[in-house]
Amino acid sequence: WTITGQVRPRFELRSGYRFLPPANSEPVVFVSQRTRLGVICQVEPRARLTIVMQDVRTWGDELSTTDASAANIDVHLANVELVPYDFLTIQIGRQQYSYDEDRILGPTDWRQHGRAHDAVRVKWHTPQTDVHLAVSHHEQGEPTSSASYFNTDNYEDMFFLWSTAHGGHARASALALYDSYDRTFRVLIQDRWTLGGRLELSSAPIVGRVEGYYQLGRHKVFTSIGYGEWTRVQRDLRAYLMALSLTHASRRSSFTLWYDYLSGDKDPNDGKFGVFDAPYGSNHKSYGWADMFIRMPEDTKDHGLQDLAAKAQFRNVGPVTVDLHLHYFAFAQPDEFGERGLGFETDLMASAFIMPSVKFQAGYSLILPT
């Protein structure tokens, strides 16, 4: 048996987080906390059970100091791993995904709730190659007849096939992901494929990365036609992401130049929808820590996004590690005024282990918008 635990309280002062603040608005201050308690049981040499319970709340969520409703407690992870052969692992139950720096599939760890999937995942491994296949199907309750899976932001079906191979100074990976939605709170996406890959080349102290993904399928939205009436408009999904970075790394520091291009919609009346949306990625890691661009269709008003960034990390500054990021954001497609530029964001984070199991972080993000 192995017992795991985490207590992560976080104090935040927000003025413009996620959205630019209205004029004369006051900053907000609050403390959120994530508490996790887990057990890992090696049932036998080739079978392991993992269960992690989670409580997420803002200080003051309870109605009183004697409130014991425990409304925020959830099962974060609950899965069993079976290893019938040394090269094969089968994981069944609630689990996290983390692939290729969490670009398309990640645990979104900045959010206190995180992200987990109910799935069956099969992992095939050799010294130079890994292949993973995962399958999920969702229903509400225990249906006795066919019914729509609606009024939820969750997908109805999802599967992906991911593979990676490495040798020498190169590593390549490829991903094919399919997800489908019935009617959601935001839009109705009937079918979506995300196809692409990533290539990483290294020659110390330089590391280069290039990746690209293409999305296709059918995208449906509900559009108001006035007087409380709505109509459903279907468009073909055709969107793409292109990204590259170049990093110079040493023992005490690293410097990265970064560029991402996420396509936008050129013409809302041409029968095509061109906005790329990383399905289950950790966008907080990529597009600024103020989270202005984590839900791409909404946050960019369908115009897509360009992110040109310079990132630096300084390690062992005493006991502290310092991260400094500078982003310039622009639309991929110009807005109705012909403008693209959105502005700058600077992110600063200092991290230090004040005890072997106690980590302290302090961060500040500044947005200079157009």
Protein backbone atom coordinates (compact mmCIF):
# COMPACT_ATOMS: atom_id res chain seq x y z
CA TRP A 1 0.00 0.00 0.00
CA THR A 2 1.14 3.52 -0.81
CA ILE A 3 -0.70 6.54 0.58
CA THR A 4 -0.61 9.80 -1.35
CA GLY A 5 -1.88 13.22 -0.34
CA GLN A 6 -1.92 16.86 -1.32
CA VAL A 7 -3.14 20.06 0.29
CA ARG A 8 -2.90 23.01 -2.13
CA PRO A 9 -4.34 26.29 -0.86
CA ARG A 10 -3.99 29.21 -3.28
CA PHE A 11 -4.47 32.89 -2.53
CA GLU A 12 -5.35 34.99 -5.58
CA LEU A 13 -5.83 38.66 -6.29
CA ARG A 14 -7.63 39.07 -9.61
CA SER A 15 -8.24 42.15 -11.70
CA GLY A 16 -8.80 41.11 -15.28
CA TYR A 17 -8.21 37.37 -14.99
CA ARG A 18 -9.89 35.56 -17.95
CA PHE A 19 -11.59 38.81 -19.08
CA LEU A 20 -10.50 42.43 -19.23
CA PRO A 21 -12.02 44.23 -16.22
CA PRO A 22 -14.79 46.80 -16.72
CA ALA A 23 -13.98 50.40 -15.95
CA ASN A 24 -13.96 51.26 -12.22
CA SER A 25 -14.18 47.60 -11.22
CA GLU A 26 -12.64 46.50 -7.93
CA PRO A 27 -10.10 43.64 -7.66
CA VAL A 28 -11.28 40.43 -6.01
CA VAL A 29 -9.41 38.41 -3.41
CA PHE A 30 -10.11 34.81 -2.42
CA VAL A 31 -8.48 31.55 -1.34
CA SER A 32 -9.23 28.26 -3.07
CA GLN A 33 -8.00 24.89 -1.87
CA ARG A 34 -7.52 21.47 -3.39
CA THR A 35 -7.25 18.52 -1.03
CA ARG A 36 -6.45 15.04 -2.31
CA LEU A 37 -6.09 11.73 -0.50
CA GLY A 38 -5.19 8.62 -2.43
CA VAL A 39 -4.15 5.02 -2.07
CA ILE A 40 -2.24 2.82 -4.48
CA CYS A 41 -2.48 -0.90 -3.80
CA GLN A 42 -0.21 -3.38 -5.57
CA VAL A 43 -2.75 -6.18 -5.39
CA GLU A 44 -0.35 -8.64 -6.97
CA PRO A 45 2.79 -8.26 -9.12
CA ARG A 46 0.75 -7.59 -12.27
CA ALA A 47 -2.29 -5.75 -10.87
CA ARG A 48 -2.42 -2.31 -9.25
CA LEU A 49 -5.39 -0.35 -7.89
CA THR A 50 -5.40 3.48 -7.64
CA ILE A 51 -8.09 5.54 -5.88
CA VAL A 52 -7.78 9.30 -5.27
CA MET A 53 -10.48 11.30 -3.53
CA GLN A 54 -10.60 15.07 -4.02
CA ASP A 55 -12.20 18.05 -2.33
CA VAL A 56 -12.11 21.46 -4.07
CA ARG A 57 -13.57 24.56 -2.50
CA THR A 58 -13.15 28.26 -1.98
CA TRP A 59 -12.72 29.29 1.63
CA GLY A 60 -16.21 30.35 2.67
CA ASP A 61 -18.17 28.04 0.35
CA GLU A 62 -19.89 26.44 3.32
CA LEU A 63 -23.02 28.11 4.64
CA SER A 64 -21.55 28.21 8.15
CA THR A 65 -18.61 26.94 10.18
CA THR A 66 -20.76 23.92 11.12
CA ASP A 67 -21.74 23.05 7.52
CA ALA A 68 -20.80 19.40 6.89
CA SER A 69 -22.56 18.82 3.57
CA ALA A 70 -19.30 17.82 1.82
CA ALA A 71 -20.79 18.95 -1.49
CA ASN A 72 -17.42 19.37 -3.19
CA ILE A 73 -15.96 15.93 -2.56
CA ASP A 74 -15.45 13.79 -5.66
CA VAL A 75 -13.63 10.73 -6.92
CA HIS A 76 -10.75 12.16 -8.96
CA LEU A 77 -9.07 8.89 -9.95
CA ALA A 78 -10.28 5.30 -9.66
CA ASN A 79 -8.66 2.74 -11.90
CA VAL A 80 -7.01 -0.63 -12.06
CA GLU A 81 -3.88 -1.40 -14.08
CA LEU A 82 -3.36 -4.92 -15.35
CA VAL A 83 -0.03 -6.03 -16.83
CA PRO A 84 -0.62 -9.41 -18.51
CA TYR A 85 2.74 -9.12 -20.31
CA ASP A 86 5.82 -6.97 -19.74
CA PHE A 87 5.07 -5.00 -22.92
CA LEU A 88 1.31 -4.59 -22.34
CA THR A 89 -0.67 -2.58 -19.74
CA ILE A 90 -4.46 -2.29 -19.55
CA GLN A 91 -5.85 0.59 -17.48
CA ILE A 92 -9.59 0.61 -16.70
CA GLY A 93 -11.52 3.35 -14.89
CA ARG A 94 -11.14 7.04 -14.10
CA GLN A 95 -7.68 8.26 -15.14
CA GLN A 96 -5.63 11.23 -16.32
CA TYR A 97 -4.03 11.78 -19.73
CA SER A 98 -0.79 13.64 -20.37
CA TYR A 99 0.75 13.53 -23.84
CA ASP A 100 3.27 15.71 -25.68
CA GLU A 101 3.47 18.52 -23.13
CA ASP A 102 -0.33 18.40 -22.71
CA ARG A 103 -0.95 20.11 -26.04
CA ILE A 104 -4.06 18.10 -27.00
CA LEU A 105 -4.49 15.83 -23.97
CA GLY A 106 -3.49 17.05 -20.52
CA PRO A 107 -4.55 17.04 -16.85
CA THR A 108 -5.09 20.86 -16.67
CA ASP A 109 -3.42 20.86 -13.28
CA TRP A 110 -3.66 24.64 -12.77
CA ARG A 111 -7.40 24.25 -12.34
CA GLN A 112 -7.98 23.00 -8.83
CA HIS A 113 -10.41 20.37 -10.14
CA GLY A 114 -8.00 19.07 -12.76
CA ARG A 115 -9.28 16.80 -15.53
CA ALA A 116 -9.88 13.05 -15.59
CA HIS A 117 -11.53 10.63 -18.04
CA ASP A 118 -13.60 7.46 -17.58
CA ALA A 119 -11.94 5.15 -20.07
CA VAL A 120 -10.23 1.94 -21.02
CA ARG A 121 -6.63 2.51 -22.13
CA VAL A 122 -4.27 -0.09 -23.58
CA LYS A 123 -0.53 0.68 -23.57
CA TRP A 124 1.99 -1.21 -25.68
CA HIS A 125 5.63 -0.54 -24.89
CA THR A 126 9.05 -1.40 -26.32
CA PRO A 127 12.40 0.29 -25.59
CA GLN A 128 12.03 2.59 -28.65
CA THR A 129 8.27 2.72 -29.22
CA ASP A 130 5.04 3.30 -27.31
CA VAL A 131 1.49 2.91 -28.63
CA HIS A 132 -1.59 3.86 -26.57
CA LEU A 133 -5.25 3.27 -27.44
CA ALA A 134 -8.06 4.68 -25.27
CA VAL A 135 -11.86 4.40 -25.58
CA SER A 136 -14.66 6.19 -23.67
CA HIS A 137 -18.47 6.15 -23.91
CA HIS A 138 -20.73 8.29 -21.70
CA GLU A 139 -24.39 8.07 -20.70
CA GLN A 140 -26.49 9.81 -18.05
CA GLY A 141 -27.59 7.41 -15.36
CA GLU A 142 -28.31 3.82 -16.35
CA PRO A 143 -30.58 4.08 -19.41
CA THR A 144 -33.03 1.37 -20.37
CA SER A 145 -33.56 2.76 -23.88
CA SER A 146 -31.70 4.92 -26.37
CA ALA A 147 -31.51 8.57 -25.31
CA SER A 148 -29.50 11.66 -26.19
CA TYR A 149 -26.55 12.62 -24.01
CA PHE A 150 -27.35 16.34 -23.79
CA ASN A 151 -27.16 19.43 -21.58
CA THR A 152 -23.58 18.68 -20.60
CA ASP A 153 -20.15 19.97 -21.61
CA ASN A 154 -18.87 16.40 -21.63
CA TYR A 155 -18.31 14.36 -24.76
CA GLU A 156 -20.50 11.37 -25.57
CA ASP A 157 -17.83 9.25 -27.26
CA MET A 158 -14.08 9.65 -27.47
CA PHE A 159 -11.20 7.48 -28.54
CA PHE A 160 -7.62 8.15 -29.50
CA LEU A 161 -4.59 6.34 -30.84
CA TRP A 162 -1.20 7.80 -29.89
CA SER A 163 2.22 6.51 -30.80
CA THR A 164 5.77 7.70 -30.27
CA ALA A 165 9.18 6.53 -31.35
CA HIS A 166 12.60 7.81 -30.41
CA GLY A 167 16.17 7.16 -31.37
CA GLY A 168 19.39 9.11 -31.33
CA HIS A 169 18.60 12.82 -31.09
CA ALA A 170 15.03 12.63 -32.44
CA ARG A 171 11.62 11.84 -31.05
CA ALA A 172 8.40 11.74 -33.07
CA SER A 173 4.79 11.18 -32.05
CA ALA A 174 1.47 10.95 -33.87
CA LEU A 175 -2.11 11.31 -32.62
CA ALA A 176 -5.52 10.47 -34.03
CA LEU A 177 -8.39 11.54 -31.74
CA TYR A 178 -12.13 11.34 -32.32
CA ASP A 179 -14.78 12.88 -30.07
CA SER A 180 -18.50 13.45 -30.51
CA TYR A 181 -21.00 15.58 -28.66
CA ASP A 182 -24.71 15.69 -28.40
CA ARG A 183 -26.26 19.03 -27.47
CA THR A 184 -23.97 20.91 -25.05
CA PHE A 185 -24.33 24.10 -23.03
CA ARG A 186 -22.20 25.98 -25.59
CA VAL A 187 -22.45 24.47 -29.08
CA LEU A 188 -23.40 21.25 -30.73
CA ILE A 189 -20.41 19.44 -32.21
CA GLN A 190 -21.63 16.26 -33.84
CA ASP A 191 -18.30 14.75 -34.90
CA ARG A 192 -14.68 15.89 -34.65
CA TRP A 193 -11.38 14.37 -35.67
CA THR A 194 -8.05 15.80 -34.51
CA LEU A 195 -5.10 14.42 -36.45
CA GLY A 196 -1.47 15.42 -36.21
CA GLY A 197 1.96 14.89 -34.84
CA ARG A 198 5.06 16.31 -33.26
CA LEU A 199 8.79 16.10 -34.00
CA GLU A 200 11.47 16.99 -31.48
CA LEU A 201 15.16 17.23 -32.38
CA SER A 202 17.94 17.80 -29.87
CA SER A 203 21.61 18.54 -30.12
CA ALA A 204 22.80 19.76 -26.75
CA PRO A 205 22.28 22.46 -25.67
CA ILE A 206 19.66 23.14 -28.40
CA VAL A 207 16.21 21.49 -28.58
CA GLY A 208 13.80 22.19 -31.44
CA ARG A 209 10.13 21.25 -31.71
CA VAL A 210 7.68 21.43 -34.56
CA GLU A 211 4.11 20.14 -34.52
CA GLY A 212 0.89 20.41 -36.44
CA TYR A 213 -2.71 19.23 -36.06
CA TYR A 214 -5.72 19.31 -38.35
CA GLN A 215 -9.37 19.11 -37.30
CA LEU A 216 -12.26 18.01 -39.47
CA GLY A 217 -15.83 16.92 -38.93
CA ARG A 218 -19.27 18.49 -38.54
CA HIS A 219 -19.89 21.50 -36.34
CA LYS A 220 -23.43 22.52 -35.40
CA VAL A 221 -24.52 25.62 -33.52
CA PHE A 222 -27.87 26.98 -32.40
CA THR A 223 -28.48 30.50 -33.75
CA SER A 224 -31.21 32.88 -32.68
CA ILE A 225 -33.56 34.04 -35.45
CA GLY A 226 -35.52 36.35 -33.14
CA TYR A 227 -38.61 36.27 -30.94
CA GLY A 228 -37.32 33.34 -28.90
CA GLU A 229 -36.88 31.11 -31.95
CA TRP A 230 -33.67 29.24 -32.74
CA THR A 231 -32.37 27.44 -35.75
CA ARG A 232 -29.58 24.87 -36.05
CA VAL A 233 -26.78 25.66 -38.50
CA GLN A 234 -24.37 22.95 -39.57
CA ARG A 235 -20.93 23.73 -40.95
CA ASP A 236 -17.99 21.55 -41.97
CA LEU A 237 -15.14 21.77 -39.47
CA ARG A 238 -11.80 22.54 -41.13
CA ALA A 239 -9.21 23.94 -38.73
CA TYR A 240 -5.53 23.58 -37.96
CA LEU A 241 -2.74 24.34 -35.51
CA MET A 242 0.92 24.93 -36.37
CA ALA A 243 3.55 25.39 -33.67
CA LEU A 244 7.29 25.51 -33.28
CA SER A 245 9.81 26.34 -30.59
CA LEU A 246 13.55 26.52 -30.11
CA THR A 247 15.14 26.08 -26.67
CA HIS A 248 18.67 26.63 -25.42
CA ALA A 249 19.09 24.76 -22.13
CA SER A 250 21.91 24.61 -19.62
CA ARG A 251 22.19 23.35 -16.08
CA ARG A 252 21.09 26.65 -14.54
CA SER A 253 18.84 28.22 -17.18
CA SER A 254 16.83 27.76 -20.36
CA PHE A 255 15.61 30.18 -23.02
CA THR A 256 12.80 29.44 -25.48
CA LEU A 257 11.41 31.17 -28.55
CA TRP A 258 7.84 30.03 -29.25
CA TYR A 259 5.24 30.57 -31.96
CA ASP A 260 1.74 29.09 -32.22
CA TYR A 261 -0.86 29.64 -34.92
CA LEU A 262 -4.41 28.44 -34.28
CA SER A 263 -6.64 28.98 -37.30
CA GLY A 264 -9.74 31.16 -37.15
CA ASP A 265 -12.96 31.34 -39.14
CA LYS A 266 -12.65 33.43 -42.30
CA ASP A 267 -16.33 33.65 -43.26
CA PRO A 268 -19.23 32.58 -41.00
CA ASN A 269 -21.47 32.19 -44.06
CA ASP A 270 -19.32 29.91 -46.22
CA GLY A 271 -20.53 26.64 -44.69
CA LYS A 272 -17.19 25.96 -43.01
CA PHE A 273 -16.00 26.45 -39.44
CA GLY A 274 -12.27 27.14 -39.21
CA VAL A 275 -11.55 27.64 -35.49
CA PHE A 276 -9.03 25.21 -34.01
CA ASP A 277 -9.77 24.15 -30.45
CA ALA A 278 -7.30 21.88 -28.62
CA PRO A 279 -9.84 19.34 -27.34
CA TYR A 280 -8.54 18.44 -23.86
CA GLY A 281 -5.22 20.26 -23.62
CA SER A 282 -3.76 22.32 -20.80
CA ASN A 283 -4.00 25.74 -22.45
CA HIS A 284 -2.93 27.45 -19.25
CA LYS A 285 0.57 26.09 -19.84
CA SER A 286 0.71 27.49 -23.38
CA TYR A 287 -1.20 30.75 -23.79
CA GLY A 288 -0.40 32.91 -20.81
CA TRP A 289 -1.12 32.36 -17.15
CA ALA A 290 -3.88 34.98 -17.06
CA ASP A 291 -5.98 32.45 -19.04
CA MET A 292 -7.35 34.93 -21.55
CA PHE A 293 -7.33 32.22 -24.24
CA ILE A 294 -8.28 28.84 -22.83
CA ARG A 295 -11.62 28.32 -24.64
CA MET A 296 -10.68 29.22 -28.17
CA PRO A 297 -13.97 29.66 -30.03
CA GLU A 298 -15.36 31.92 -27.28
CA ASP A 299 -12.20 33.69 -26.10
CA THR A 300 -11.11 34.70 -29.61
CA LYS A 301 -14.62 35.36 -30.97
CA ASP A 302 -13.95 32.74 -33.69
CA HIS A 303 -10.94 34.71 -35.04
CA GLY A 304 -8.25 32.18 -34.01
CA LEU A 305 -5.02 33.04 -32.25
CA GLN A 306 -1.35 33.77 -32.84
CA ASP A 307 1.04 33.55 -29.89
CA LEU A 308 4.63 34.77 -30.23
CA ALA A 309 6.48 34.24 -26.97
CA ALA A 310 9.89 34.36 -25.33
CA LYS A 311 10.27 32.21 -22.23
CA ALA A 312 13.13 32.01 -19.74
CA GLN A 313 13.72 29.87 -16.68
CA PHE A 314 16.47 30.45 -14.13
CA ARG A 315 17.15 27.53 -11.82
CA ASN A 316 18.97 27.46 -8.49
CA VAL A 317 18.72 31.19 -7.85
CA GLY A 318 19.51 30.37 -4.27
CA PRO A 319 16.72 27.90 -3.47
CA VAL A 320 14.39 29.53 -6.02
CA THR A 321 13.45 28.76 -9.62
CA VAL A 322 12.22 31.79 -11.60
CA ASP A 323 10.09 31.63 -14.77
CA LEU A 324 9.59 34.70 -16.96
CA HIS A 325 7.34 34.62 -20.04
CA LEU A 326 6.54 37.39 -22.51
CA HIS A 327 3.68 36.86 -24.99
CA TYR A 328 2.41 38.89 -27.90
CA PHE A 329 -1.11 37.84 -28.92
CA ALA A 330 -2.92 38.51 -32.18
CA PHE A 331 -5.95 37.15 -34.01
CA ALA A 332 -5.25 34.67 -36.80
CA GLN A 333 -8.08 36.26 -38.80
CA PRO A 334 -8.74 40.01 -38.61
CA ASP A 335 -11.83 41.19 -36.74
CA GLU A 336 -14.67 43.25 -38.21
CA PHE A 337 -12.46 46.36 -38.06
CA GLY A 338 -9.59 44.69 -39.91
CA GLU A 339 -7.49 44.51 -36.73
CA ARG A 340 -5.41 41.55 -35.50
CA GLY A 341 -3.31 42.76 -32.57
CA LEU A 342 -4.54 41.89 -29.06
CA GLY A 343 -1.65 42.96 -26.85
CA PHE A 344 1.10 41.72 -24.57
CA GLU A 345 1.18 39.57 -21.48
CA THR A 346 4.05 39.14 -19.02
CA ASP A 347 4.06 36.23 -16.58
CA LEU A 348 6.45 35.89 -13.67
CA MET A 349 6.64 32.92 -11.29
CA ALA A 350 9.00 32.09 -8.43
CA SER A 351 9.02 28.55 -7.02
CA ALA A 352 10.91 27.07 -4.10
CA PHE A 353 10.83 23.92 -2.00
CA ILE A 354 10.95 25.17 1.56
CA MET A 355 10.89 21.52 2.76
CA PRO A 356 11.36 18.33 0.71
CA SER A 357 7.57 17.90 0.41
CA VAL A 358 6.47 21.55 0.71
CA LYS A 359 6.56 23.81 -2.34
CA PHE A 360 5.81 27.53 -2.35
CA GLN A 361 4.96 29.50 -5.50
CA ALA A 362 4.27 33.17 -6.08
CA GLY A 363 3.25 34.56 -9.45
CA TYR A 364 2.16 37.74 -11.19
CA SER A 365 0.65 38.28 -14.63
CA LEU A 366 0.34 41.67 -16.33
CA ILE A 367 -1.74 42.23 -19.46
CA LEU A 368 -1.19 45.23 -21.76
CA PRO A 369 -4.11 45.01 -24.22
CA THR A 370 -4.76 46.93 -27.41
